[in-house]
C-alpha atoms as a PDB file:
ATOM      1  CA  UNK A   1      24.621  20.831  -8.387  1.00  0.00           C
ATOM      2  CA  UNK A   2      21.643  22.312  -6.541  1.00  0.00           C
ATOM      3  CA  UNK A   3      22.031  22.631  -2.738  1.00  0.00           C
ATOM      4  CA  UNK A   4      19.079  20.381  -2.005  1.00  0.00           C
ATOM      5  CA  UNK A   5      20.178  17.468  -4.191  1.00  0.00           C
ATOM      6  CA  UNK A   6      22.838  15.803  -1.952  1.00  0.00           C
ATOM      7  CA  UNK A   7      20.468  15.737   1.006  1.00  0.00           C
ATOM      8  CA  UNK A   8      17.608  14.395  -1.086  1.00  0.00           C
ATOM      9  CA  UNK A   9      19.820  11.629  -2.526  1.00  0.00           C
ATOM     10  CA  UNK A  10      21.118  10.721   0.943  1.00  0.00           C
ATOM     11  CA  UNK A  11      17.572  10.311   2.258  1.00  0.00           C
ATOM     12  CA  UNK A  12      16.461   8.328  -0.824  1.00  0.00           C
ATOM     13  CA  UNK A  13      19.398   5.932  -0.450  1.00  0.00           C
ATOM     14  CA  UNK A  14      18.693   5.501   3.289  1.00  0.00           C
ATOM     15  CA  UNK A  15      15.066   4.599   2.594  1.00  0.00           C
ATOM     16  CA  UNK A  16      16.056   2.190  -0.171  1.00  0.00           C
ATOM     17  CA  UNK A  17      18.729   0.500   1.987  1.00  0.00           C
ATOM     18  CA  UNK A  18      16.197   0.059   4.805  1.00  0.00           C
ATOM     19  CA  UNK A  19      13.680  -1.473   2.419  1.00  0.00           C
ATOM     20  CA  UNK A  20      11.333   1.438   3.114  1.00  0.00           C
ATOM     21  CA  UNK A  21      10.388   1.989  -0.524  1.00  0.00           C
ATOM     22  CA  UNK A  22       6.767   1.364  -1.422  1.00  0.00           C
ATOM     23  CA  UNK A  23       5.565   1.129  -4.984  1.00  0.00           C
ATOM     24  CA  UNK A  24       2.074   1.957  -6.137  1.00  0.00           C
ATOM     25  CA  UNK A  25       0.076  -0.621  -7.996  1.00  0.00           C
ATOM     26  CA  UNK A  26       0.523   1.445 -11.167  1.00  0.00           C
ATOM     27  CA  UNK A  27       4.316   1.575 -10.679  1.00  0.00           C
ATOM     28  CA  UNK A  28       4.508  -2.196 -10.201  1.00  0.00           C
ATOM     29  CA  UNK A  29       2.363  -2.807 -13.282  1.00  0.00           C
ATOM     30  CA  UNK A  30       4.499  -0.530 -15.411  1.00  0.00           C
ATOM     31  CA  UNK A  31       7.752  -2.013 -14.095  1.00  0.00           C
ATOM     32  CA  UNK A  32       6.593  -5.558 -14.792  1.00  0.00           C
ATOM     33  CA  UNK A  33       5.504  -4.512 -18.244  1.00  0.00           C
ATOM     34  CA  UNK A  34       9.082  -3.341 -18.898  1.00  0.00           C
ATOM     35  CA  UNK A  35      10.513  -6.615 -17.567  1.00  0.00           C
ATOM     36  CA  UNK A  36      11.509  -5.366 -14.119  1.00  0.00           C
ATOM     37  CA  UNK A  37      10.643  -6.892 -10.789  1.00  0.00           C
ATOM     38  CA  UNK A  38       9.714  -4.588  -7.873  1.00  0.00           C
ATOM     39  CA  UNK A  39      13.097  -5.444  -6.354  1.00  0.00           C
ATOM     40  CA  UNK A  40      14.805  -4.152  -9.526  1.00  0.00           C
ATOM     41  CA  UNK A  41      12.971  -0.855  -9.141  1.00  0.00           C
ATOM     42  CA  UNK A  42      14.114  -0.562  -5.542  1.00  0.00           C
ATOM     43  CA  UNK A  43      17.711  -1.211  -6.675  1.00  0.00           C
ATOM     44  CA  UNK A  44      17.428   1.553  -9.268  1.00  0.00           C
ATOM     45  CA  UNK A  45      16.002   3.949  -6.683  1.00  0.00           C
ATOM     46  CA  UNK A  46      18.856   3.095  -4.298  1.00  0.00           C
ATOM     47  CA  UNK A  47      21.437   3.804  -6.993  1.00  0.00           C
ATOM     48  CA  UNK A  48      20.102   7.203  -8.117  1.00  0.00           C
ATOM     49  CA  UNK A  49      22.764   9.831  -8.723  1.00  0.00           C
ATOM     50  CA  UNK A  50      22.888  13.558  -9.281  1.00  0.00           C
ATOM     51  CA  UNK A  51      23.055  12.918 -13.020  1.00  0.00           C
ATOM     52  CA  UNK A  52      19.610  11.259 -12.790  1.00  0.00           C
ATOM     53  CA  UNK A  53      18.012  14.359 -11.303  1.00  0.00           C
ATOM     54  CA  UNK A  54      15.479  16.216 -13.428  1.00  0.00           C
ATOM     55  CA  UNK A  55      14.763  18.860 -10.786  1.00  0.00           C
ATOM     56  CA  UNK A  56      11.979  19.322  -8.289  1.00  0.00           C
ATOM     57  CA  UNK A  57       8.424  20.599  -8.279  1.00  0.00           C
ATOM     58  CA  UNK A  58       6.341  22.153  -5.550  1.00  0.00           C
ATOM     59  CA  UNK A  59       3.055  20.319  -4.980  1.00  0.00           C
ATOM     60  CA  UNK A  60       0.113  22.648  -5.439  1.00  0.00           C
ATOM     61  CA  UNK A  61      -1.917  20.380  -3.139  1.00  0.00           C
ATOM     62  CA  UNK A  62       0.385  19.871  -0.153  1.00  0.00           C
ATOM     63  CA  UNK A  63       3.108  22.493  -0.626  1.00  0.00           C
ATOM     64  CA  UNK A  64       5.747  19.717  -0.405  1.00  0.00           C
ATOM     65  CA  UNK A  65       8.693  19.333  -2.730  1.00  0.00           C
ATOM     66  CA  UNK A  66       8.491  16.468  -5.228  1.00  0.00           C
ATOM     67  CA  UNK A  67      11.884  15.337  -6.513  1.00  0.00           C
ATOM     68  CA  UNK A  68      12.030  14.155 -10.125  1.00  0.00           C
ATOM     69  CA  UNK A  69      14.586  11.620 -11.270  1.00  0.00           C
ATOM     70  CA  UNK A  70      14.918  10.067 -14.733  1.00  0.00           C
ATOM     71  CA  UNK A  71      17.503   7.291 -14.584  1.00  0.00           C
ATOM     72  CA  UNK A  72      18.380   5.432 -17.728  1.00  0.00           C
ATOM     73  CA  UNK A  73      17.718   1.733 -17.269  1.00  0.00           C
ATOM     74  CA  UNK A  74      17.610  -1.260 -19.537  1.00  0.00           C
ATOM     75  CA  UNK A  75      18.951   0.571 -22.562  1.00  0.00           C
END
C-alpha cells in the first residue's frame, strides 16, 4: 500500500462523515442517471477502501495531488 493512501482515506472519510462532500452538477447528473441519489454517492465516498484506489495524479494546473478511486457499485 502506498504511504500516502491511509492518510488520504482518513481525510476523505472525515469529510464524508462531516457532510463536507460537494458534488458538481455533472456528478449529480451522472449519479442520478445511474439510479443513485447524491446521498448514495456520499455514502460510497465515505466507504472507500485501499482496494478502490487507482493511484494519484499531479495536477499540471495547480501542482496538487488528485487521488483517483474506482469503487465498484451497483454491480
